[in-house]
Structure formats: structure tokens, C-alpha cells
Amino acid sequence: MTILTRNGADEVADASPQASNVSSLTLDDLPPPDTRRWVMRRKAEVVAGVRAGLLSFAEACARYSLSEEELASWQRLIDRHGVKALRVTRLQDYRRPVGME
């Protein structure tokens, strides 16, 4: 499981479970439900919230008006390439079909 923390530059970085206490994550730590600008950090926070059990996949989709496909794509990008793959400007590099690199 990927656990996310913010470093001093307010960017999201991968951390091991030992480096961060997942139980301290609360709904207040997640982006507000009316979020419209989805930067890398906010996407990663939502994925971390779902993975930590703060809200279900369906609840996250409803809370943030996301399609299931969009949230699933965020999870896949993090799993395959890390949090930096959530950057909108880099999507073309990370969304190439497997074997097409």
C-alpha cells in the first residue's frame, strides 16, 4: 500500500507504512468535497483516504463527483508509476499501453 505524506515543498511523496501513521489520517485531511482543481497532491490524498479505509471507493466517487474510471485510473497510475504520474502534464507518458514504451 502506498501511504502519502507532504514534504517541505508541499509535494506528495511515497513513504513506507513504517514512516507514516495511517490511523492519524482523517476526513479533514482530505480535499474538500467541492474540489474542482485536481492537482497531483489532492488526487493522491483521495487515493490514500480510500486505501486507509476513511471512505469507500463508491463514497469517494460520490463525494468528489468522480467517475469510477477516473478514480481507478488514479489508483493504477500510483501503483504503476508512483504519485508523480498523477501530474496532468505527464499523462501521455504514463498512459501509453503496456508494451508500447
Foldseek 3Di string as FASTA:
>chain_A
DWAWDADPVRDIDTDDCVVDPLVVDAPVNADALADDDDALVNLVRLLSCCVSPNDHLVVSCVSNVHDSVVNVVCVVQCVPPRSVCRHPVCVVVRPDPPPPD
